[in-house]
Amino acid sequence: MGYGQKARRAIPRLVASERISTLFNALISGDRAALARSITLVESTRADHRKEAQELLSLVLDHAKKRTSTVANWPTTFRVGLSGSPGVGKSSFIETFGMFLIAKGHKVAVLAVDPSSTRTGGSILGDKTRMTLLSRADEAYVRPSPTSGNLGGVARNTNEAILLCEASGYDIILVETVGVGQSETMVSDMTDMFTLLVAPGAGDELQGMKKGIVEMSDLILVNKADGVLAIPARAAQMEYTSALKFSQPAHPDWRPKVLAMSSAENIGIDKVWEAMQEYYKIMQESGSLHTKRGLQRKKWMWQQITDELLWRLKTDSNVKDMVLSLEAGVFRGDITSGQAAEDCVRAFIHDQALTQ
């Protein structure tokens, strides 16, 4: 028996309560209110809610395994990350594209990752007032960004919200980010395909844009390619296409594409979907999609281990007073930050050993 098998047997299995079992059954039946309650539950930081959230997610994972086992363990959903500078037209694109997908027979969920919400306490993405048609459609679910917590918490909540949406029958998950800070990398690490929206007149924008964002993109869409902006949009398309020739593709099986389209005039939306379907088919058949999701889960496991340990350390009553003293010492320059960190962790481990 290998170590992995021993480890799995040593972990006690969570048994869901009657309340969570009822919530789960409503969730997988497609009840939107149950989906909203489920996401609210996983976003909660209360200890009892965290336990219930894990019970629910355990049921969701079992449900997902049974569903994928019938299709050679291939993913049966498509997770698409969307980013772009403010004003580029992400909301209008999501509205138009979402309604297009619904007409094709899909169920669409829109989730948002907004780093600014962790500082301002507000949500500027996933705004239902800017997606009036999509938010009212029976086949769609629009969820604004969580309004509190740290960036790691927002990412964890979004990851778990994706699983909940898929369990509720949504096969296309659109994850939107504002396009600042580390949010693009975060969204790329939780989706199958990363799509970047840009505006016409790419010359200045391309010069100022972080090189890594373009390189991590699987698809670049030049929005607002209509009217007087049609010609500048085509020029931008050529500039981004040229720029991609000198970058390393994110996946060996796929060469990123640049398309010009218009959400307002519904131009090129079908071509966008064709490109996404082509990407999905190639990644699926090569096994890259299955591998990518597995690697993402491992990465997020370690991120959550880090977050959990940090949370436990910060909330340990016996370490709190010591931390205040160490912070003061570091501020005055009496002790290095590295030594303070080592002293703090050593005290925490010692305290945990005494409580066992």
Protein backbone atom coordinates (compact mmCIF):
# COMPACT_ATOMS: atom_id res chain seq x y z
CA MET A 1 0.00 0.00 0.00
CA GLY A 2 1.40 3.39 -1.03
CA TYR A 3 1.65 6.44 1.18
CA GLY A 4 -1.17 8.17 -0.70
CA GLN A 5 -3.53 5.28 0.06
CA LYS A 6 -2.61 5.38 3.77
CA ALA A 7 -3.15 9.13 3.85
CA ARG A 8 -6.59 8.87 2.30
CA ARG A 9 -7.70 6.14 4.74
CA ALA A 10 -6.43 8.13 7.70
CA ILE A 11 -8.64 11.12 6.90
CA PRO A 12 -12.12 10.80 8.43
CA ARG A 13 -14.88 11.26 5.90
CA LEU A 14 -17.25 14.15 6.47
CA VAL A 15 -20.84 13.06 7.05
CA ALA A 16 -23.31 15.64 5.84
CA SER A 17 -26.06 16.79 8.16
CA GLU A 18 -29.70 16.55 7.14
CA ARG A 19 -29.76 20.30 6.48
CA ILE A 20 -26.75 20.14 4.17
CA SER A 21 -28.10 17.03 2.40
CA THR A 22 -31.35 18.89 1.73
CA LEU A 23 -29.43 21.91 0.43
CA PHE A 24 -27.31 19.65 -1.80
CA ASN A 25 -30.36 17.94 -3.32
CA ALA A 26 -31.92 21.31 -4.10
CA LEU A 27 -28.61 22.50 -5.56
CA ILE A 28 -28.22 19.63 -8.02
CA SER A 29 -31.87 19.96 -9.04
CA GLY A 30 -31.02 23.40 -10.45
CA ASP A 31 -32.66 25.50 -7.72
CA ARG A 32 -31.15 28.99 -8.11
CA ALA A 33 -32.01 29.98 -4.55
CA ALA A 34 -30.18 26.88 -3.29
CA LEU A 35 -27.16 27.85 -5.42
CA ALA A 36 -27.15 31.35 -3.93
CA ARG A 37 -27.39 29.94 -0.39
CA SER A 38 -24.60 27.46 -1.13
CA ILE A 39 -22.23 30.16 -2.38
CA THR A 40 -23.06 32.36 0.61
CA LEU A 41 -22.23 29.41 2.86
CA VAL A 42 -18.77 28.82 1.35
CA GLU A 43 -18.04 32.56 1.54
CA SER A 44 -18.77 32.65 5.28
CA THR A 45 -15.84 32.72 7.71
CA ARG A 46 -17.85 31.42 10.68
CA ALA A 47 -16.42 28.17 12.06
CA ASP A 48 -19.76 26.31 11.93
CA HIS A 49 -20.37 27.53 8.38
CA ARG A 50 -16.87 26.46 7.30
CA LYS A 51 -17.62 22.94 8.54
CA GLU A 52 -20.96 22.84 6.74
CA ALA A 53 -19.35 24.21 3.58
CA GLN A 54 -16.86 21.34 3.56
CA GLU A 55 -19.71 18.86 4.03
CA LEU A 56 -21.50 20.37 1.04
CA LEU A 57 -18.38 20.49 -1.15
CA SER A 58 -17.65 16.84 -0.33
CA LEU A 59 -21.09 15.88 -1.68
CA VAL A 60 -20.51 18.10 -4.74
CA LEU A 61 -17.16 16.41 -5.53
CA ASP A 62 -18.72 12.94 -5.29
CA HIS A 63 -21.49 14.09 -7.61
CA ALA A 64 -18.96 15.50 -10.10
CA LYS A 65 -16.94 12.26 -10.11
CA LYS A 66 -20.01 10.19 -10.94
CA ARG A 67 -20.90 12.58 -13.75
CA THR A 68 -17.43 12.60 -15.38
CA SER A 69 -16.88 8.83 -15.06
CA THR A 70 -19.31 8.27 -17.92
CA VAL A 71 -17.24 10.38 -20.35
CA ALA A 72 -13.75 8.89 -19.95
CA ASN A 73 -13.03 11.20 -16.99
CA TRP A 74 -13.18 14.25 -19.28
CA PRO A 75 -14.48 17.55 -17.92
CA THR A 76 -18.07 18.17 -19.00
CA THR A 77 -18.00 21.91 -18.36
CA PHE A 78 -16.04 24.82 -19.77
CA ARG A 79 -14.49 27.48 -17.51
CA VAL A 80 -13.52 30.72 -19.27
CA GLY A 81 -11.58 33.54 -17.61
CA LEU A 82 -12.22 37.08 -18.89
CA SER A 83 -10.07 40.11 -18.21
CA GLY A 84 -9.50 43.57 -19.57
CA SER A 85 -8.99 47.16 -18.51
CA PRO A 86 -11.97 49.12 -17.13
CA GLY A 87 -14.07 50.53 -19.96
CA VAL A 88 -13.08 47.89 -22.51
CA GLY A 89 -16.61 46.49 -22.51
CA LYS A 90 -16.40 43.29 -20.45
CA SER A 91 -19.93 43.55 -19.08
CA SER A 92 -21.47 44.21 -22.49
CA PHE A 93 -19.48 41.32 -23.96
CA ILE A 94 -20.57 38.94 -21.20
CA GLU A 95 -24.19 40.01 -21.69
CA THR A 96 -24.10 39.50 -25.47
CA PHE A 97 -21.99 36.34 -25.34
CA GLY A 98 -24.03 34.85 -22.50
CA MET A 99 -27.30 35.32 -24.37
CA PHE A 100 -25.67 33.83 -27.48
CA LEU A 101 -24.67 30.72 -25.49
CA ILE A 102 -28.15 30.38 -23.98
CA ALA A 103 -29.61 30.42 -27.50
CA LYS A 104 -27.24 27.53 -28.27
CA GLY A 105 -28.74 25.52 -25.40
CA HIS A 106 -26.14 26.20 -22.69
CA LYS A 107 -26.59 27.31 -19.08
CA VAL A 108 -24.25 30.16 -18.16
CA ALA A 109 -22.89 31.23 -14.77
CA VAL A 110 -20.99 34.51 -14.34
CA LEU A 111 -18.67 34.90 -11.36
CA ALA A 112 -16.44 37.84 -10.50
CA VAL A 113 -13.00 38.20 -8.94
CA ASP A 114 -12.53 41.80 -7.80
CA PRO A 115 -9.33 42.51 -5.83
CA SER A 116 -10.56 46.03 -5.00
CA SER A 117 -13.50 44.60 -3.06
CA THR A 118 -11.10 43.38 -0.38
CA ARG A 119 -10.05 46.98 0.25
CA THR A 120 -13.22 48.98 -0.40
CA GLY A 121 -15.81 46.50 0.84
CA GLY A 122 -17.75 46.85 -2.40
CA SER A 123 -18.20 44.90 -5.60
CA ILE A 124 -17.72 46.54 -8.98
CA LEU A 125 -17.91 43.40 -11.09
CA GLY A 126 -20.72 41.01 -11.93
CA ASP A 127 -23.05 44.00 -11.64
CA LYS A 128 -26.51 42.76 -12.57
CA THR A 129 -27.61 46.27 -13.52
CA ARG A 130 -25.17 46.13 -16.44
CA MET A 131 -26.32 42.65 -17.51
CA THR A 132 -30.08 43.14 -17.45
CA LEU A 133 -31.00 40.50 -20.02
CA LEU A 134 -28.56 37.88 -18.80
CA SER A 135 -29.34 38.30 -15.10
CA ARG A 136 -33.06 37.80 -15.81
CA ALA A 137 -32.61 34.72 -18.01
CA ASP A 138 -33.66 31.41 -16.42
CA GLU A 139 -30.62 29.72 -17.94
CA ALA A 140 -28.13 32.16 -16.40
CA TYR A 141 -26.78 32.98 -12.95
CA VAL A 142 -24.83 36.19 -12.24
CA ARG A 143 -22.91 36.44 -8.95
CA PRO A 144 -21.08 39.63 -7.92
CA SER A 145 -17.68 39.46 -6.29
CA PRO A 146 -17.51 38.70 -2.54
CA THR A 147 -17.51 41.98 -0.63
CA SER A 148 -15.10 41.12 2.15
CA GLY A 149 -12.06 39.06 3.03
CA ASN A 150 -8.51 38.97 1.72
CA LEU A 151 -7.50 38.27 -1.86
CA GLY A 152 -6.73 34.62 -1.09
CA GLY A 153 -10.19 34.26 0.42
CA VAL A 154 -11.85 35.75 -2.65
CA ALA A 155 -9.94 33.29 -4.85
CA ARG A 156 -10.87 30.31 -2.67
CA ASN A 157 -14.52 31.34 -2.64
CA THR A 158 -14.57 31.72 -6.42
CA ASN A 159 -12.99 28.28 -6.90
CA GLU A 160 -15.65 26.71 -4.73
CA ALA A 161 -18.41 28.74 -6.37
CA ILE A 162 -17.35 27.28 -9.74
CA LEU A 163 -17.88 23.76 -8.37
CA LEU A 164 -21.28 24.72 -6.98
CA CYS A 165 -22.41 26.28 -10.26
CA GLU A 166 -21.35 23.18 -12.19
CA ALA A 167 -23.18 20.93 -9.72
CA SER A 168 -26.30 23.05 -10.30
CA GLY A 169 -26.16 22.33 -14.04
CA TYR A 170 -24.31 25.33 -15.46
CA ASP A 171 -21.97 24.04 -18.16
CA ILE A 172 -20.34 27.36 -19.13
CA ILE A 173 -18.68 29.29 -16.30
CA LEU A 174 -17.47 32.81 -17.08
CA VAL A 175 -15.07 34.23 -14.48
CA GLU A 176 -14.60 37.98 -14.84
CA THR A 177 -11.82 40.10 -13.33
CA VAL A 178 -11.10 43.81 -13.39
CA GLY A 179 -7.65 43.36 -14.87
CA VAL A 180 -5.47 44.81 -12.13
CA GLY A 181 -2.87 43.43 -9.73
CA GLN A 182 -2.57 39.66 -9.55
CA SER A 183 -6.17 39.00 -10.54
CA GLU A 184 -5.35 37.82 -14.07
CA THR A 185 -2.99 35.12 -12.82
CA MET A 186 -5.53 34.11 -10.21
CA VAL A 187 -8.32 33.73 -12.77
CA SER A 188 -6.03 31.92 -15.21
CA ASP A 189 -5.24 29.42 -12.47
CA MET A 190 -8.91 28.54 -11.95
CA THR A 191 -10.20 28.41 -15.54
CA ASP A 192 -9.67 26.32 -18.67
CA MET A 193 -9.17 29.24 -21.04
CA PHE A 194 -7.99 32.79 -20.38
CA THR A 195 -9.47 35.49 -22.64
CA LEU A 196 -8.24 39.08 -22.76
CA LEU A 197 -10.47 41.90 -24.01
CA VAL A 198 -8.80 45.00 -25.43
CA ALA A 199 -10.01 48.19 -27.09
CA PRO A 200 -9.18 49.59 -30.55
CA GLY A 201 -6.14 51.84 -30.78
CA ALA A 202 -3.88 49.18 -29.31
CA GLY A 203 -0.60 50.98 -29.97
CA ASP A 204 -0.35 52.85 -26.67
CA GLU A 205 -2.24 50.20 -24.72
CA LEU A 206 -0.01 47.40 -25.97
CA GLN A 207 3.10 49.34 -24.95
CA GLY A 208 1.77 49.89 -21.44
CA MET A 209 0.26 46.47 -20.92
CA LYS A 210 2.07 43.93 -18.80
CA LYS A 211 3.78 41.46 -21.11
CA GLY A 212 2.76 38.50 -18.98
CA ILE A 213 -0.96 39.19 -19.43
CA VAL A 214 -0.70 38.95 -23.20
CA GLU A 215 1.47 35.83 -22.98
CA MET A 216 -0.93 34.01 -20.66
CA SER A 217 -3.89 34.75 -22.94
CA ASP A 218 -5.34 31.92 -25.00
CA LEU A 219 -7.60 34.29 -26.91
CA ILE A 220 -7.47 38.07 -27.38
CA LEU A 221 -10.64 39.93 -28.40
CA VAL A 222 -10.53 43.45 -29.80
CA ASN A 223 -13.94 44.80 -28.78
CA LYS A 224 -15.92 47.73 -30.23
CA ALA A 225 -14.92 46.83 -33.81
CA ASP A 226 -17.81 48.72 -35.38
CA GLY A 227 -18.54 52.12 -36.94
CA VAL A 228 -15.63 54.56 -36.91
CA LEU A 229 -13.63 52.17 -34.70
CA ALA A 230 -13.79 49.29 -37.18
CA ILE A 231 -10.53 50.24 -38.93
CA PRO A 232 -8.59 50.96 -35.69
CA ALA A 233 -9.86 47.63 -34.35
CA ARG A 234 -8.45 45.76 -37.35
CA ALA A 235 -5.15 47.58 -36.87
CA ALA A 236 -5.13 46.55 -33.21
CA GLN A 237 -5.87 42.97 -34.22
CA MET A 238 -2.78 42.94 -36.45
CA GLU A 239 -0.60 44.53 -33.73
CA TYR A 240 -1.57 41.93 -31.14
CA THR A 241 -1.15 39.13 -33.67
CA SER A 242 2.39 40.35 -34.40
CA ALA A 243 3.17 40.65 -30.69
CA LEU A 244 2.08 37.06 -30.05
CA LYS A 245 4.53 35.77 -32.65
CA PHE A 246 7.38 36.65 -30.28
CA SER A 247 5.85 35.12 -27.16
CA GLN A 248 5.78 31.56 -25.88
CA PRO A 249 2.29 30.02 -26.05
CA ALA A 250 0.78 29.08 -22.67
CA HIS A 251 -0.03 25.61 -24.05
CA PRO A 252 2.02 23.60 -26.58
CA ASP A 253 -1.17 22.34 -28.27
CA TRP A 254 -2.67 25.78 -28.92
CA ARG A 255 -1.55 28.91 -30.72
CA PRO A 256 -3.45 31.95 -29.29
CA LYS A 257 -5.76 33.81 -31.65
CA VAL A 258 -6.70 37.48 -31.96
CA LEU A 259 -10.23 38.33 -33.13
CA ALA A 260 -12.01 41.62 -33.77
CA MET A 261 -15.63 41.77 -32.61
CA SER A 262 -18.35 44.08 -31.35
CA SER A 263 -20.61 43.34 -28.42
CA ALA A 264 -22.83 46.34 -29.13
CA GLU A 265 -23.49 45.33 -32.74
CA ASN A 266 -23.27 41.57 -32.15
CA ILE A 267 -20.45 41.27 -34.71
CA GLY A 268 -18.08 38.31 -34.56
CA ILE A 269 -19.63 36.66 -31.50
CA ASP A 270 -20.08 33.41 -33.43
CA LYS A 271 -16.39 33.48 -34.40
CA VAL A 272 -15.44 33.92 -30.74
CA TRP A 273 -17.43 30.83 -29.80
CA GLU A 274 -15.93 28.85 -32.70
CA ALA A 275 -12.41 29.71 -31.48
CA MET A 276 -13.30 28.71 -27.92
CA GLN A 277 -14.81 25.43 -29.08
CA GLU A 278 -11.70 24.70 -31.13
CA TYR A 279 -9.50 25.35 -28.09
CA TYR A 280 -11.70 23.17 -25.87
CA LYS A 281 -11.69 20.30 -28.38
CA ILE A 282 -7.91 20.37 -28.83
CA MET A 283 -7.22 20.59 -25.09
CA GLN A 284 -9.79 17.91 -24.33
CA GLU A 285 -8.60 15.38 -26.89
CA SER A 286 -4.92 15.85 -26.04
CA GLY A 287 -5.62 15.28 -22.34
CA SER A 288 -4.23 18.74 -21.55
CA LEU A 289 -7.50 19.98 -20.09
CA HIS A 290 -7.75 17.11 -17.60
CA THR A 291 -4.09 17.63 -16.62
CA LYS A 292 -4.51 21.40 -16.31
CA ARG A 293 -7.41 21.08 -13.91
CA GLY A 294 -5.49 18.55 -11.82
CA LEU A 295 -2.48 20.86 -11.56
CA GLN A 296 -4.76 23.77 -10.67
CA ARG A 297 -6.33 21.75 -7.85
CA LYS A 298 -2.86 20.92 -6.46
CA LYS A 299 -1.80 24.56 -6.61
CA TRP A 300 -4.94 25.74 -4.84
CA MET A 301 -4.53 23.01 -2.21
CA TRP A 302 -1.15 24.45 -1.22
CA GLN A 303 -2.53 27.97 -1.35
CA GLN A 304 -5.34 26.98 0.99
CA ILE A 305 -2.90 25.18 3.30
CA THR A 306 -0.94 28.43 3.51
CA ASP A 307 -4.10 30.47 4.14
CA GLU A 308 -5.36 28.03 6.79
CA LEU A 309 -2.06 27.95 8.68
CA LEU A 310 -1.80 31.74 8.56
CA TRP A 311 -5.38 32.10 9.83
CA ARG A 312 -4.75 29.68 12.69
CA LEU A 313 -1.52 31.43 13.62
CA LYS A 314 -3.15 34.89 13.61
CA THR A 315 -6.10 33.72 15.71
CA ASP A 316 -4.04 31.77 18.27
CA SER A 317 -4.70 33.55 21.57
CA ASN A 318 -1.31 32.64 23.05
CA VAL A 319 0.62 33.99 20.05
CA LYS A 320 -1.25 37.29 19.67
CA ASP A 321 0.59 39.15 22.45
CA MET A 322 3.94 37.85 21.20
CA VAL A 323 3.14 39.03 17.66
CA LEU A 324 2.44 42.56 18.88
CA SER A 325 5.80 42.63 20.65
CA LEU A 326 7.61 41.24 17.60
CA GLU A 327 5.94 43.78 15.31
CA ALA A 328 7.07 46.61 17.57
CA GLY A 329 10.61 45.23 17.59
CA VAL A 330 10.70 44.96 13.80
CA PHE A 331 9.31 48.51 13.48
CA ARG A 332 12.07 49.88 15.75
CA GLY A 333 14.74 47.85 13.97
CA ASP A 334 15.63 45.83 17.08
CA ILE A 335 15.07 42.52 15.32
CA THR A 336 15.02 41.41 11.69
CA SER A 337 11.74 40.41 10.09
CA GLY A 338 13.18 36.95 9.38
CA GLN A 339 14.12 36.36 13.02
CA ALA A 340 10.73 37.64 14.18
CA ALA A 341 8.95 35.27 11.80
CA GLU A 342 11.06 32.34 12.99
CA ASP A 343 10.38 33.14 16.67
CA CYS A 344 6.65 33.50 16.00
CA VAL A 345 6.35 30.19 14.11
CA ARG A 346 8.45 28.35 16.70
CA ALA A 347 6.21 29.64 19.50
CA PHE A 348 3.07 28.67 17.55
CA ILE A 349 4.31 25.11 16.89
CA HIS A 350 5.31 24.74 20.54
CA ASP A 351 1.89 25.99 21.66
CA GLN A 352 0.10 23.56 19.31
CA ALA A 353 2.19 20.65 20.62
CA LEU A 354 1.18 21.46 24.20
CA THR A 355 -2.53 21.44 23.31
CA GLN A 356 -2.45 17.97 21.70
